[in-house]
Structure formats: structure tokens, C-alpha cells
Amino acid sequence: MSSRSAVPIPGTPGRAWTVTERNLWRQQQRKRRSYADEVLGRIDALGRGFEVVRYGELNYPPDGRYPLFSIRNRTWTESLPTALVTGGVHGYETSGVMGALQFAEKYAGEYAGKLNLLIAPCVSPWAFERIQRWNPDAIDPNRSFYADSPAAESAALWNLVNPLRGNFIVHIDLHETTDTDESEFRPALAARDGVPFAPGTIPDGFYLVDDTENPQPEFQNAIIDAVSQVTHIAPADADGTIIGSDVVAHGLIRYPLKRLGLCASITGARYTTTTEVYPDSPRVSPEQCSAAQVAAVRAALDFALANPAS
């Protein structure tokens, strides 16, 4: 994960942000890396086995325009099931973006003729450049995946995916849980909403988020087993939880994905999961974090192919 310096959080305790505080927060954000160089350059370098589809554009003056691209295999076959891989819904979660790109570069060809691959490697490019969780309007894209979304990033991906609903067998959404969640992003959320900040803990290791309404424990366990060969799996806290949610299996919690507007809910696929890599551990490198995401994608696709929906 790229580092960032903490910035003062605007607002008055107990009072939700107005337009004034949102504008002040946005003015504090600074570009720290390049979407064009680190993402678009790698997409451009992909071989002829891929079709690159521009599915939208974000316009955030004065910061500029951000084209949104997805990658799909050229051997798209309507009779095959479809898999969706998403990264960078939260722009600061670096290994999600790098893992999606690395999977496309190294392993996507292995699935030709088996399923259709749709990859959106960087859903939130403005936030990627600023190593930020929210979009410029201080909206969390990963709480905004529903019709008529207020987040342009979420709306664009929703519109890309919606015509294909019913064809998806699997969707894996690549995320990180970082130390800055606790030091910056959760305090900012509390300030934005005018509520007290309740300190929590950061899991030391990789974990997954399953769907409360569509639990798939064997699928999740297959991913955990694969990732454990690359990095360590997060243990439960002393109270049996991870980030306040009950641990239902090794490295596994559950959320009501659709009700929370999470990205992993948008396809209606039988197999869905959200990965959470821990990049701030002294036990891992950035390369390991990306490799863990790639291992998770491959395990998810392999399990779905071996256990197709009825």
C-alpha cells in the first residue's frame, strides 16, 4: 500500500458535514500516484486475447476526467457462464487494483473456453490517485451499488453489469483492510455523519466477507485455503469477531451485501465474495499482497467451474 500523510478531519463534533465541510475535505486531497501510468499503461500492454471496453468516464473538475475501462476475453461465448473480477472500488486499497491487473496479465488465458471473464481493475480512479476511500463528493462507492446511485463510480459499474445479470456464476471483489482504516477513514466517516467515533481493531491477516443472504461456506473455504499458501489468515479477536462481525469460519465473516449496497452484490451470482488483504503487516510485502489477491481470484474461478450453479 502506498503511504499517505494524515490530514486534519474537518467538521464540528456531533454535527454532520454540510457542503462546506465536504468541500474543505476535498481540497485537502492531493494526487499521489498516476492512474494513467500505473493502471491504464498496464491495460494498454495486454495482449490481443483481450478486448478493452470503455464503460464510462468520471468528470471531476478541476481534477480532470477519468476514463473507466473493463477488460474482457475476446473469445466471449454467450453459452458460457460469466465471472466478474473487480478492484479499486476503494482507491486506496492498492493490491485490489494490482491483483486484478496481475491476474489478467498472467492467468486469464487459462480460462479461455471455460467461462467469460469481465475485469474492472480500478473502479475508482480519482480515489486511486489520492489513496482515498471516498470519491470527491465524500461518498463511499462501496456503500452505493444500487439503481440511481449517487456515486458515479458505482453507477458506471452498475450499468456495465446490469445487462449481463443472470449470466454470472461468480464475482470476486478485491479489497484491503489497512491501518489507515482506523487512523483516518473511520474517524472521517464518524465526523462526516456527525456521530462519535468508536475505536476498533485492524485484523492481522487476510479474511473474506461472505453474503448473509446467500452463504457459500465451501466456496469461501476454498479461497481461504488457497490464500493461506501466500499470506497469513486473520485470527478472530478475543470476542470472536473480525471488525466487529462474528467469525463464522476461519478468516470468514458475513455481511448482508445487497442491503449495504456493496459491490459484491451487483451480479446476483451464486458465488460472491469480498477479499480483505492486510498490507501493513510486517510479515508481508506488496508483492505478496497482490499475489494473495491473484490466488483468491484463481481459487474462486476454479471452485465455481467445478461446482456450477444448478
C-alpha atoms as a PDB file:
ATOM      1  CA  MET A   1       0.000   0.000   0.000  1.00  0.00           C
ATOM      2  CA  SER A   2       1.270   3.476  -0.833  1.00  0.00           C
ATOM      3  CA  SER A   3       1.732   5.677   2.202  1.00  0.00           C
ATOM      4  CA  ARG A   4      -0.174   8.873   2.876  1.00  0.00           C
ATOM      5  CA  SER A   5       0.140  11.559   5.497  1.00  0.00           C
ATOM      6  CA  ALA A   6      -2.756  12.097   7.861  1.00  0.00           C
ATOM      7  CA  VAL A   7      -4.715  15.287   7.228  1.00  0.00           C
ATOM      8  CA  PRO A   8      -6.967  17.164   9.669  1.00  0.00           C
ATOM      9  CA  ILE A   9     -10.575  15.983   9.593  1.00  0.00           C
ATOM     10  CA  PRO A  10     -12.957  18.916   9.143  1.00  0.00           C
ATOM     11  CA  GLY A  11     -16.205  19.399  10.995  1.00  0.00           C
ATOM     12  CA  THR A  12     -17.741  20.015  14.400  1.00  0.00           C
ATOM     13  CA  PRO A  13     -18.233  17.055  16.765  1.00  0.00           C
ATOM     14  CA  GLY A  14     -21.844  15.918  16.810  1.00  0.00           C
ATOM     15  CA  ARG A  15     -22.793  17.752  13.608  1.00  0.00           C
ATOM     16  CA  ALA A  16     -22.901  16.097  10.189  1.00  0.00           C
ATOM     17  CA  TRP A  17     -20.933  17.673   7.390  1.00  0.00           C
ATOM     18  CA  THR A  18     -22.508  20.293   5.195  1.00  0.00           C
ATOM     19  CA  VAL A  19     -21.325  21.253   1.717  1.00  0.00           C
ATOM     20  CA  THR A  20     -18.713  23.450   3.398  1.00  0.00           C
ATOM     21  CA  GLU A  21     -17.023  20.565   5.209  1.00  0.00           C
ATOM     22  CA  ARG A  22     -17.228  18.314   2.161  1.00  0.00           C
ATOM     23  CA  ASN A  23     -15.525  20.968   0.037  1.00  0.00           C
ATOM     24  CA  LEU A  24     -12.844  21.502   2.658  1.00  0.00           C
ATOM     25  CA  TRP A  25     -12.199  17.774   2.846  1.00  0.00           C
ATOM     26  CA  ARG A  26     -11.880  17.568  -0.953  1.00  0.00           C
ATOM     27  CA  GLN A  27      -9.453  20.500  -1.042  1.00  0.00           C
ATOM     28  CA  GLN A  28      -7.172  18.574   1.318  1.00  0.00           C
ATOM     29  CA  GLN A  29      -6.805  15.632  -1.060  1.00  0.00           C
ATOM     30  CA  ARG A  30      -3.648  15.551  -3.163  1.00  0.00           C
ATOM     31  CA  LYS A  31      -2.691  13.431  -6.141  1.00  0.00           C
ATOM     32  CA  ARG A  32      -0.049  10.911  -5.027  1.00  0.00           C
ATOM     33  CA  ARG A  33       0.181   8.498  -7.941  1.00  0.00           C
ATOM     34  CA  SER A  34      -0.866   8.192 -11.574  1.00  0.00           C
ATOM     35  CA  TYR A  35      -3.886   6.257 -12.821  1.00  0.00           C
ATOM     36  CA  ALA A  36      -2.606   6.704 -16.379  1.00  0.00           C
ATOM     37  CA  ASP A  37       0.823   5.243 -15.625  1.00  0.00           C
ATOM     38  CA  GLU A  38       0.018   2.560 -13.065  1.00  0.00           C
ATOM     39  CA  VAL A  39      -3.294   1.292 -14.440  1.00  0.00           C
ATOM     40  CA  LEU A  40      -4.040   2.434 -17.985  1.00  0.00           C
ATOM     41  CA  GLY A  41      -0.495   1.704 -19.122  1.00  0.00           C
ATOM     42  CA  ARG A  42      -0.824  -1.906 -17.998  1.00  0.00           C
ATOM     43  CA  ILE A  43      -4.232  -2.259 -19.620  1.00  0.00           C
ATOM     44  CA  ASP A  44      -2.790  -0.943 -22.890  1.00  0.00           C
ATOM     45  CA  ALA A  45       0.012  -3.520 -22.678  1.00  0.00           C
ATOM     46  CA  LEU A  46      -2.337  -6.515 -22.537  1.00  0.00           C
ATOM     47  CA  GLY A  47      -2.149  -8.884 -25.470  1.00  0.00           C
ATOM     48  CA  ARG A  48      -4.575  -9.474 -28.296  1.00  0.00           C
ATOM     49  CA  GLY A  49      -6.518 -12.034 -26.284  1.00  0.00           C
ATOM     50  CA  PHE A  50      -8.393  -9.215 -24.580  1.00  0.00           C
ATOM     51  CA  GLU A  51     -10.973  -6.659 -25.567  1.00  0.00           C
ATOM     52  CA  VAL A  52     -10.732  -3.389 -23.647  1.00  0.00           C
ATOM     53  CA  VAL A  53     -14.128  -1.729 -23.216  1.00  0.00           C
ATOM     54  CA  ARG A  54     -14.561   1.859 -22.086  1.00  0.00           C
ATOM     55  CA  TYR A  55     -17.676   1.733 -19.918  1.00  0.00           C
ATOM     56  CA  GLY A  56     -17.806   5.301 -18.681  1.00  0.00           C
ATOM     57  CA  GLU A  57     -15.963   8.438 -17.702  1.00  0.00           C
ATOM     58  CA  LEU A  58     -15.768  10.390 -14.468  1.00  0.00           C
ATOM     59  CA  ASN A  59     -15.619  14.175 -14.735  1.00  0.00           C
ATOM     60  CA  TYR A  60     -14.317  15.810 -11.579  1.00  0.00           C
ATOM     61  CA  PRO A  61     -13.236  19.391 -12.280  1.00  0.00           C
ATOM     62  CA  PRO A  62     -10.722  20.808 -11.605  1.00  0.00           C
ATOM     63  CA  ASP A  63      -9.034  17.407 -11.168  1.00  0.00           C
ATOM     64  CA  GLY A  64      -9.896  16.225 -14.664  1.00  0.00           C
ATOM     65  CA  ARG A  65     -11.590  13.369 -16.476  1.00  0.00           C
ATOM     66  CA  TYR A  66     -11.065   9.706 -15.715  1.00  0.00           C
ATOM     67  CA  PRO A  67     -11.987   7.115 -18.376  1.00  0.00           C
ATOM     68  CA  LEU A  68     -13.247   3.830 -16.953  1.00  0.00           C
ATOM     69  CA  PHE A  69     -12.159   0.608 -18.612  1.00  0.00           C
ATOM     70  CA  SER A  70     -13.066  -3.043 -18.287  1.00  0.00           C
ATOM     71  CA  ILE A  71     -11.229  -5.995 -19.760  1.00  0.00           C
ATOM     72  CA  ARG A  72     -12.947  -8.989 -21.317  1.00  0.00           C
ATOM     73  CA  ASN A  73     -11.698 -12.015 -23.197  1.00  0.00           C
ATOM     74  CA  ARG A  74     -12.130 -11.859 -26.967  1.00  0.00           C
ATOM     75  CA  THR A  75     -13.475 -15.409 -27.021  1.00  0.00           C
ATOM     76  CA  TRP A  76     -16.712 -14.274 -25.351  1.00  0.00           C
ATOM     77  CA  THR A  77     -19.286 -17.021 -25.785  1.00  0.00           C
ATOM     78  CA  GLU A  78     -22.911 -16.483 -24.834  1.00  0.00           C
ATOM     79  CA  SER A  79     -23.381 -20.096 -23.778  1.00  0.00           C
ATOM     80  CA  LEU A  80     -20.617 -19.894 -21.141  1.00  0.00           C
ATOM     81  CA  PRO A  81     -21.059 -18.588 -17.606  1.00  0.00           C
ATOM     82  CA  THR A  82     -19.518 -15.228 -16.767  1.00  0.00           C
ATOM     83  CA  ALA A  83     -17.115 -14.239 -13.993  1.00  0.00           C
ATOM     84  CA  LEU A  84     -16.642 -10.688 -12.732  1.00  0.00           C
ATOM     85  CA  VAL A  85     -13.437  -9.507 -11.039  1.00  0.00           C
ATOM     86  CA  THR A  86     -13.434  -6.005  -9.563  1.00  0.00           C
ATOM     87  CA  GLY A  87     -10.676  -3.990  -7.919  1.00  0.00           C
ATOM     88  CA  GLY A  88     -10.144  -0.459  -6.710  1.00  0.00           C
ATOM     89  CA  VAL A  89     -13.689   0.201  -5.542  1.00  0.00           C
ATOM     90  CA  HIS A  90     -11.845   1.853  -2.683  1.00  0.00           C
ATOM     91  CA  GLY A  91      -8.986   3.594  -4.430  1.00  0.00           C
ATOM     92  CA  TYR A  92      -6.549   3.357  -1.542  1.00  0.00           C
ATOM     93  CA  GLU A  93      -6.704  -0.455  -1.483  1.00  0.00           C
ATOM     94  CA  THR A  94      -3.729  -0.932  -3.772  1.00  0.00           C
ATOM     95  CA  SER A  95      -3.441  -4.704  -4.014  1.00  0.00           C
ATOM     96  CA  GLY A  96      -7.010  -4.963  -5.279  1.00  0.00           C
ATOM     97  CA  VAL A  97      -6.071  -2.957  -8.364  1.00  0.00           C
ATOM     98  CA  MET A  98      -2.662  -4.593  -8.795  1.00  0.00           C
ATOM     99  CA  GLY A  99      -4.067  -8.065  -8.160  1.00  0.00           C
ATOM    100  CA  ALA A 100      -6.788  -7.668 -10.797  1.00  0.00           C
ATOM    101  CA  LEU A 101      -4.230  -6.472 -13.355  1.00  0.00           C
ATOM    102  CA  GLN A 102      -1.751  -9.209 -12.446  1.00  0.00           C
ATOM    103  CA  PHE A 103      -4.435 -11.870 -12.811  1.00  0.00           C
ATOM    104  CA  ALA A 104      -5.343 -10.518 -16.252  1.00  0.00           C
ATOM    105  CA  GLU A 105      -1.705 -10.453 -17.335  1.00  0.00           C
ATOM    106  CA  LYS A 106      -0.657 -13.881 -16.085  1.00  0.00           C
ATOM    107  CA  TYR A 107      -3.614 -16.191 -15.686  1.00  0.00           C
ATOM    108  CA  ALA A 108      -6.736 -15.026 -17.504  1.00  0.00           C
ATOM    109  CA  GLY A 109      -5.772 -17.017 -20.587  1.00  0.00           C
ATOM    110  CA  GLU A 110      -6.124 -20.242 -18.625  1.00  0.00           C
ATOM    111  CA  TYR A 111      -9.890 -19.739 -18.540  1.00  0.00           C
ATOM    112  CA  ALA A 112     -10.434 -19.271 -22.268  1.00  0.00           C
ATOM    113  CA  GLY A 113     -13.237 -21.513 -23.437  1.00  0.00           C
ATOM    114  CA  LYS A 114     -14.296 -22.243 -19.858  1.00  0.00           C
ATOM    115  CA  LEU A 115     -16.037 -19.008 -18.885  1.00  0.00           C
ATOM    116  CA  ASN A 116     -16.358 -15.390 -19.919  1.00  0.00           C
ATOM    117  CA  LEU A 117     -14.138 -13.031 -17.941  1.00  0.00           C
ATOM    118  CA  LEU A 118     -15.081  -9.435 -17.198  1.00  0.00           C
ATOM    119  CA  ILE A 119     -12.490  -7.490 -15.179  1.00  0.00           C
ATOM    120  CA  ALA A 120     -12.880  -3.924 -13.879  1.00  0.00           C
ATOM    121  CA  PRO A 121      -9.456  -3.366 -12.305  1.00  0.00           C
ATOM    122  CA  CYS A 122      -9.853   0.196 -10.998  1.00  0.00           C
ATOM    123  CA  VAL A 123     -13.430   1.258 -10.309  1.00  0.00           C
ATOM    124  CA  SER A 124     -12.449   4.488  -8.501  1.00  0.00           C
ATOM    125  CA  PRO A 125      -9.501   6.137 -10.299  1.00  0.00           C
ATOM    126  CA  TRP A 126      -9.812   9.569  -8.621  1.00  0.00           C
ATOM    127  CA  ALA A 127      -9.544   7.855  -5.241  1.00  0.00           C
ATOM    128  CA  PHE A 128      -6.744   5.589  -6.512  1.00  0.00           C
ATOM    129  CA  GLU A 129      -4.625   8.622  -7.330  1.00  0.00           C
ATOM    130  CA  ARG A 130      -5.274  10.185  -3.928  1.00  0.00           C
ATOM    131  CA  ILE A 131      -5.036   6.958  -1.909  1.00  0.00           C
ATOM    132  CA  GLN A 132      -8.513   7.685  -0.612  1.00  0.00           C
ATOM    133  CA  ARG A 133     -11.572   5.634   0.336  1.00  0.00           C
ATOM    134  CA  TRP A 134     -14.256   8.037  -0.884  1.00  0.00           C
ATOM    135  CA  ASN A 135     -14.967   9.776  -4.162  1.00  0.00           C
ATOM    136  CA  PRO A 136     -14.650  13.585  -4.428  1.00  0.00           C
ATOM    137  CA  ASP A 137     -18.143  14.063  -3.006  1.00  0.00           C
ATOM    138  CA  ALA A 138     -17.148  12.202   0.182  1.00  0.00           C
ATOM    139  CA  ILE A 139     -19.350   9.258  -0.849  1.00  0.00           C
ATOM    140  CA  ASP A 140     -18.192   5.687  -0.268  1.00  0.00           C
ATOM    141  CA  PRO A 141     -18.653   3.836  -3.576  1.00  0.00           C
ATOM    142  CA  ASN A 142     -18.800   0.527  -1.730  1.00  0.00           C
ATOM    143  CA  ARG A 143     -21.975   1.531   0.026  1.00  0.00           C
ATOM    144  CA  SER A 144     -23.551   2.821  -3.187  1.00  0.00           C
ATOM    145  CA  PHE A 145     -24.161  -0.128  -5.529  1.00  0.00           C
ATOM    146  CA  TYR A 146     -27.843   0.195  -6.344  1.00  0.00           C
ATOM    147  CA  ALA A 147     -30.024   1.738  -9.040  1.00  0.00           C
ATOM    148  CA  ASP A 148     -29.661   5.521  -9.404  1.00  0.00           C
ATOM    149  CA  SER A 149     -26.540   5.503  -7.247  1.00  0.00           C
ATOM    150  CA  PRO A 150     -25.235   8.877  -6.013  1.00  0.00           C
ATOM    151  CA  ALA A 151     -21.667   7.673  -6.667  1.00  0.00           C
ATOM    152  CA  ALA A 152     -20.691   7.982 -10.324  1.00  0.00           C
ATOM    153  CA  GLU A 153     -18.160   5.148  -9.944  1.00  0.00           C
ATOM    154  CA  SER A 154     -20.819   2.761  -8.661  1.00  0.00           C
ATOM    155  CA  ALA A 155     -23.404   3.855 -11.225  1.00  0.00           C
ATOM    156  CA  ALA A 156     -20.990   3.237 -14.102  1.00  0.00           C
ATOM    157  CA  LEU A 157     -20.148  -0.284 -12.955  1.00  0.00           C
ATOM    158  CA  TRP A 158     -23.819  -0.996 -12.242  1.00  0.00           C
ATOM    159  CA  ASN A 159     -24.692  -0.013 -15.819  1.00  0.00           C
ATOM    160  CA  LEU A 160     -21.898  -2.191 -17.206  1.00  0.00           C
ATOM    161  CA  VAL A 161     -23.005  -5.246 -15.269  1.00  0.00           C
ATOM    162  CA  ASN A 162     -26.782  -4.889 -15.318  1.00  0.00           C
ATOM    163  CA  PRO A 163     -27.379  -6.168 -18.899  1.00  0.00           C
ATOM    164  CA  LEU A 164     -25.458  -9.337 -18.004  1.00  0.00           C
ATOM    165  CA  ARG A 165     -27.318 -10.148 -14.800  1.00  0.00           C
ATOM    166  CA  GLY A 166     -28.417 -13.766 -14.843  1.00  0.00           C
ATOM    167  CA  ASN A 167     -25.257 -14.856 -16.682  1.00  0.00           C
ATOM    168  CA  PHE A 168     -22.816 -14.527 -13.789  1.00  0.00           C
ATOM    169  CA  ILE A 169     -21.647 -17.571 -11.869  1.00  0.00           C
ATOM    170  CA  VAL A 170     -19.046 -15.809  -9.712  1.00  0.00           C
ATOM    171  CA  HIS A 171     -17.978 -12.325  -8.633  1.00  0.00           C
ATOM    172  CA  ILE A 172     -14.900 -11.615  -6.534  1.00  0.00           C
ATOM    173  CA  ASP A 173     -14.335  -8.061  -5.308  1.00  0.00           C
ATOM    174  CA  LEU A 174     -10.759  -7.305  -4.213  1.00  0.00           C
ATOM    175  CA  HIS A 175     -10.202  -5.114  -1.142  1.00  0.00           C
ATOM    176  CA  GLU A 176      -7.787  -4.362   1.700  1.00  0.00           C
ATOM    177  CA  THR A 177      -8.179  -3.534   5.382  1.00  0.00           C
ATOM    178  CA  THR A 178      -5.379  -1.152   6.345  1.00  0.00           C
ATOM    179  CA  ASP A 179      -4.100   0.614   9.440  1.00  0.00           C
ATOM    180  CA  THR A 180      -5.406   3.874   7.968  1.00  0.00           C
ATOM    181  CA  ASP A 181      -8.933   2.491   8.249  1.00  0.00           C
ATOM    182  CA  GLU A 182      -8.633   3.039  11.970  1.00  0.00           C
ATOM    183  CA  SER A 183      -6.387   6.111  11.988  1.00  0.00           C
ATOM    184  CA  GLU A 184      -8.101   8.111   9.245  1.00  0.00           C
ATOM    185  CA  PHE A 185     -11.012   6.660   7.317  1.00  0.00           C
ATOM    186  CA  ARG A 186     -13.289   5.508  10.136  1.00  0.00           C
ATOM    187  CA  PRO A 187     -12.741   8.745  12.112  1.00  0.00           C
ATOM    188  CA  ALA A 188     -13.559  10.688   8.928  1.00  0.00           C
ATOM    189  CA  LEU A 189     -16.738   8.653   8.478  1.00  0.00           C
ATOM    190  CA  ALA A 190     -17.840   9.432  12.018  1.00  0.00           C
ATOM    191  CA  ALA A 191     -17.098  13.127  11.501  1.00  0.00           C
ATOM    192  CA  ARG A 192     -18.935  13.203   8.164  1.00  0.00           C
ATOM    193  CA  ASP A 193     -22.051  11.678   9.716  1.00  0.00           C
ATOM    194  CA  GLY A 194     -21.852  13.652  12.969  1.00  0.00           C
ATOM    195  CA  VAL A 195     -21.593  10.595  15.216  1.00  0.00           C
ATOM    196  CA  PRO A 196     -18.999   9.622  17.851  1.00  0.00           C
ATOM    197  CA  PHE A 197     -16.018   7.624  16.636  1.00  0.00           C
ATOM    198  CA  ALA A 198     -15.891   4.173  18.226  1.00  0.00           C
ATOM    199  CA  PRO A 199     -12.332   2.802  18.085  1.00  0.00           C
ATOM    200  CA  GLY A 200     -11.923  -0.713  16.756  1.00  0.00           C
ATOM    201  CA  THR A 201      -9.155  -3.107  15.738  1.00  0.00           C
ATOM    202  CA  ILE A 202      -7.479  -3.965  12.447  1.00  0.00           C
ATOM    203  CA  PRO A 203      -7.316  -7.699  11.610  1.00  0.00           C
ATOM    204  CA  ASP A 204      -3.786  -9.036  11.259  1.00  0.00           C
ATOM    205  CA  GLY A 205      -4.137 -11.009   8.070  1.00  0.00           C
ATOM    206  CA  PHE A 206      -6.344 -11.930   5.139  1.00  0.00           C
ATOM    207  CA  TYR A 207     -10.081 -12.560   5.519  1.00  0.00           C
ATOM    208  CA  LEU A 208     -13.234 -12.805   3.407  1.00  0.00           C
ATOM    209  CA  VAL A 209     -16.738 -11.354   3.553  1.00  0.00           C
ATOM    210  CA  ASP A 210     -19.499 -13.779   2.564  1.00  0.00           C
ATOM    211  CA  ASP A 211     -23.145 -12.873   1.909  1.00  0.00           C
ATOM    212  CA  THR A 212     -25.552 -13.288   4.834  1.00  0.00           C
ATOM    213  CA  GLU A 213     -28.429 -13.849   2.387  1.00  0.00           C
ATOM    214  CA  ASN A 214     -26.528 -16.338   0.195  1.00  0.00           C
ATOM    215  CA  PRO A 215     -23.841 -18.052   2.284  1.00  0.00           C
ATOM    216  CA  GLN A 216     -21.424 -20.267   0.374  1.00  0.00           C
ATOM    217  CA  PRO A 217     -19.063 -21.669   3.021  1.00  0.00           C
ATOM    218  CA  GLU A 218     -17.352 -24.267   0.824  1.00  0.00           C
ATOM    219  CA  PHE A 219     -16.583 -21.634  -1.803  1.00  0.00           C
ATOM    220  CA  GLN A 220     -15.173 -19.265   0.814  1.00  0.00           C
ATOM    221  CA  ASN A 221     -13.116 -22.021   2.445  1.00  0.00           C
ATOM    222  CA  ALA A 222     -11.569 -22.947  -0.905  1.00  0.00           C
ATOM    223  CA  ILE A 223     -10.352 -19.367  -1.283  1.00  0.00           C
ATOM    224  CA  ILE A 224      -9.012 -19.240   2.270  1.00  0.00           C
ATOM    225  CA  ASP A 225      -7.111 -22.484   1.694  1.00  0.00           C
ATOM    226  CA  ALA A 226      -5.514 -21.116  -1.476  1.00  0.00           C
ATOM    227  CA  VAL A 227      -4.580 -17.755   0.011  1.00  0.00           C
ATOM    228  CA  SER A 228      -3.088 -19.374   3.130  1.00  0.00           C
ATOM    229  CA  GLN A 229      -0.297 -20.626   0.871  1.00  0.00           C
ATOM    230  CA  VAL A 230       0.599 -16.986   0.125  1.00  0.00           C
ATOM    231  CA  THR A 231      -0.097 -14.993   3.278  1.00  0.00           C
ATOM    232  CA  HIS A 232      -1.442 -15.487   6.799  1.00  0.00           C
ATOM    233  CA  ILE A 233      -5.159 -15.616   7.568  1.00  0.00           C
ATOM    234  CA  ALA A 234      -6.578 -13.222  10.157  1.00  0.00           C
ATOM    235  CA  PRO A 235      -7.497 -14.787  13.502  1.00  0.00           C
ATOM    236  CA  ALA A 236     -10.600 -13.720  15.364  1.00  0.00           C
ATOM    237  CA  ASP A 237     -10.337 -11.034  18.025  1.00  0.00           C
ATOM    238  CA  ALA A 238     -10.750 -12.081  21.653  1.00  0.00           C
ATOM    239  CA  ASP A 239     -14.527 -11.634  21.357  1.00  0.00           C
ATOM    240  CA  GLY A 240     -14.751 -13.965  18.359  1.00  0.00           C
ATOM    241  CA  THR A 241     -15.184 -11.204  15.785  1.00  0.00           C
ATOM    242  CA  ILE A 242     -13.337  -9.556  12.914  1.00  0.00           C
ATOM    243  CA  ILE A 243     -14.063  -5.826  12.544  1.00  0.00           C
ATOM    244  CA  GLY A 244     -16.998  -6.348  14.881  1.00  0.00           C
ATOM    245  CA  SER A 245     -18.644  -9.177  12.897  1.00  0.00           C
ATOM    246  CA  ASP A 246     -18.896 -12.757  14.116  1.00  0.00           C
ATOM    247  CA  VAL A 247     -16.318 -15.100  12.647  1.00  0.00           C
ATOM    248  CA  VAL A 248     -18.290 -17.985  11.134  1.00  0.00           C
ATOM    249  CA  ALA A 249     -15.246 -19.961   9.903  1.00  0.00           C
ATOM    250  CA  HIS A 250     -11.501 -19.458   9.707  1.00  0.00           C
ATOM    251  CA  GLY A 251     -10.978 -15.993   8.206  1.00  0.00           C
ATOM    252  CA  LEU A 252     -14.644 -15.576   7.290  1.00  0.00           C
ATOM    253  CA  ILE A 253     -17.360 -13.098   8.267  1.00  0.00           C
ATOM    254  CA  ARG A 254     -20.696 -12.273   6.654  1.00  0.00           C
ATOM    255  CA  TYR A 255     -22.487  -9.072   5.661  1.00  0.00           C
ATOM    256  CA  PRO A 256     -25.909  -8.504   4.051  1.00  0.00           C
ATOM    257  CA  LEU A 257     -24.277  -7.426   0.800  1.00  0.00           C
ATOM    258  CA  LYS A 258     -27.304  -6.096  -1.069  1.00  0.00           C
ATOM    259  CA  ARG A 259     -28.775  -4.213   1.872  1.00  0.00           C
ATOM    260  CA  LEU A 260     -25.456  -2.450   2.448  1.00  0.00           C
ATOM    261  CA  GLY A 261     -25.034  -1.579  -1.231  1.00  0.00           C
ATOM    262  CA  LEU A 262     -21.745  -3.467  -1.508  1.00  0.00           C
ATOM    263  CA  CYS A 263     -20.079  -4.152  -4.838  1.00  0.00           C
ATOM    264  CA  ALA A 264     -20.170  -7.928  -4.398  1.00  0.00           C
ATOM    265  CA  SER A 265     -23.989  -7.811  -4.540  1.00  0.00           C
ATOM    266  CA  ILE A 266     -24.387  -6.415  -8.056  1.00  0.00           C
ATOM    267  CA  THR A 267     -24.276  -9.561 -10.222  1.00  0.00           C
ATOM    268  CA  GLY A 268     -26.736 -11.864  -8.487  1.00  0.00           C
ATOM    269  CA  ALA A 269     -24.153 -14.634  -8.922  1.00  0.00           C
ATOM    270  CA  ARG A 270     -24.317 -17.797  -6.863  1.00  0.00           C
ATOM    271  CA  TYR A 271     -20.713 -17.368  -5.733  1.00  0.00           C
ATOM    272  CA  THR A 272     -19.706 -13.951  -4.406  1.00  0.00           C
ATOM    273  CA  THR A 273     -17.042 -12.755  -2.015  1.00  0.00           C
ATOM    274  CA  THR A 274     -15.099  -9.718  -0.902  1.00  0.00           C
ATOM    275  CA  THR A 275     -11.408 -10.210  -0.166  1.00  0.00           C
ATOM    276  CA  GLU A 276      -9.609  -8.242   2.532  1.00  0.00           C
ATOM    277  CA  VAL A 277      -5.810  -8.218   2.429  1.00  0.00           C
ATOM    278  CA  TYR A 278      -3.755  -6.685   5.260  1.00  0.00           C
ATOM    279  CA  PRO A 279      -0.878  -4.773   3.593  1.00  0.00           C
ATOM    280  CA  ASP A 280       0.512  -3.132   6.749  1.00  0.00           C
ATOM    281  CA  SER A 281       1.711  -6.335   8.364  1.00  0.00           C
ATOM    282  CA  PRO A 282       5.496  -6.643   8.791  1.00  0.00           C
ATOM    283  CA  ARG A 283       5.036 -10.241   7.675  1.00  0.00           C
ATOM    284  CA  VAL A 284       4.075  -9.381   4.074  1.00  0.00           C
ATOM    285  CA  SER A 285       5.344  -7.403   1.099  1.00  0.00           C
ATOM    286  CA  PRO A 286       3.324  -5.515  -1.528  1.00  0.00           C
ATOM    287  CA  GLU A 287       4.124  -8.350  -3.924  1.00  0.00           C
ATOM    288  CA  GLN A 288       2.657 -10.900  -1.513  1.00  0.00           C
ATOM    289  CA  CYS A 289      -0.486  -8.820  -1.128  1.00  0.00           C
ATOM    290  CA  SER A 290      -1.050  -8.762  -4.882  1.00  0.00           C
ATOM    291  CA  ALA A 291      -0.220 -12.465  -5.091  1.00  0.00           C
ATOM    292  CA  ALA A 292      -2.818 -13.167  -2.392  1.00  0.00           C
ATOM    293  CA  GLN A 293      -5.454 -11.379  -4.457  1.00  0.00           C
ATOM    294  CA  VAL A 294      -4.471 -13.380  -7.539  1.00  0.00           C
ATOM    295  CA  ALA A 295      -4.627 -16.635  -5.573  1.00  0.00           C
ATOM    296  CA  ALA A 296      -8.091 -15.679  -4.355  1.00  0.00           C
ATOM    297  CA  VAL A 297      -9.325 -14.970  -7.886  1.00  0.00           C
ATOM    298  CA  ARG A 298      -7.984 -18.230  -9.262  1.00  0.00           C
ATOM    299  CA  ALA A 299      -9.452 -20.252  -6.388  1.00  0.00           C
ATOM    300  CA  ALA A 300     -12.834 -18.540  -6.798  1.00  0.00           C
ATOM    301  CA  LEU A 301     -12.997 -19.233 -10.528  1.00  0.00           C
ATOM    302  CA  ASP A 302     -11.763 -22.807 -10.167  1.00  0.00           C
ATOM    303  CA  PHE A 303     -14.329 -23.603  -7.482  1.00  0.00           C
ATOM    304  CA  ALA A 304     -17.170 -22.059  -9.486  1.00  0.00           C
ATOM    305  CA  LEU A 305     -16.213 -24.060 -12.570  1.00  0.00           C
ATOM    306  CA  ALA A 306     -16.028 -27.276 -10.565  1.00  0.00           C
ATOM    307  CA  ASN A 307     -19.336 -26.571  -8.833  1.00  0.00           C
ATOM    308  CA  PRO A 308     -21.602 -24.852 -11.370  1.00  0.00           C
ATOM    309  CA  ALA A 309     -24.920 -23.420 -10.263  1.00  0.00           C
ATOM    310  CA  SER A 310     -27.874 -25.709 -10.821  1.00  0.00           C
END
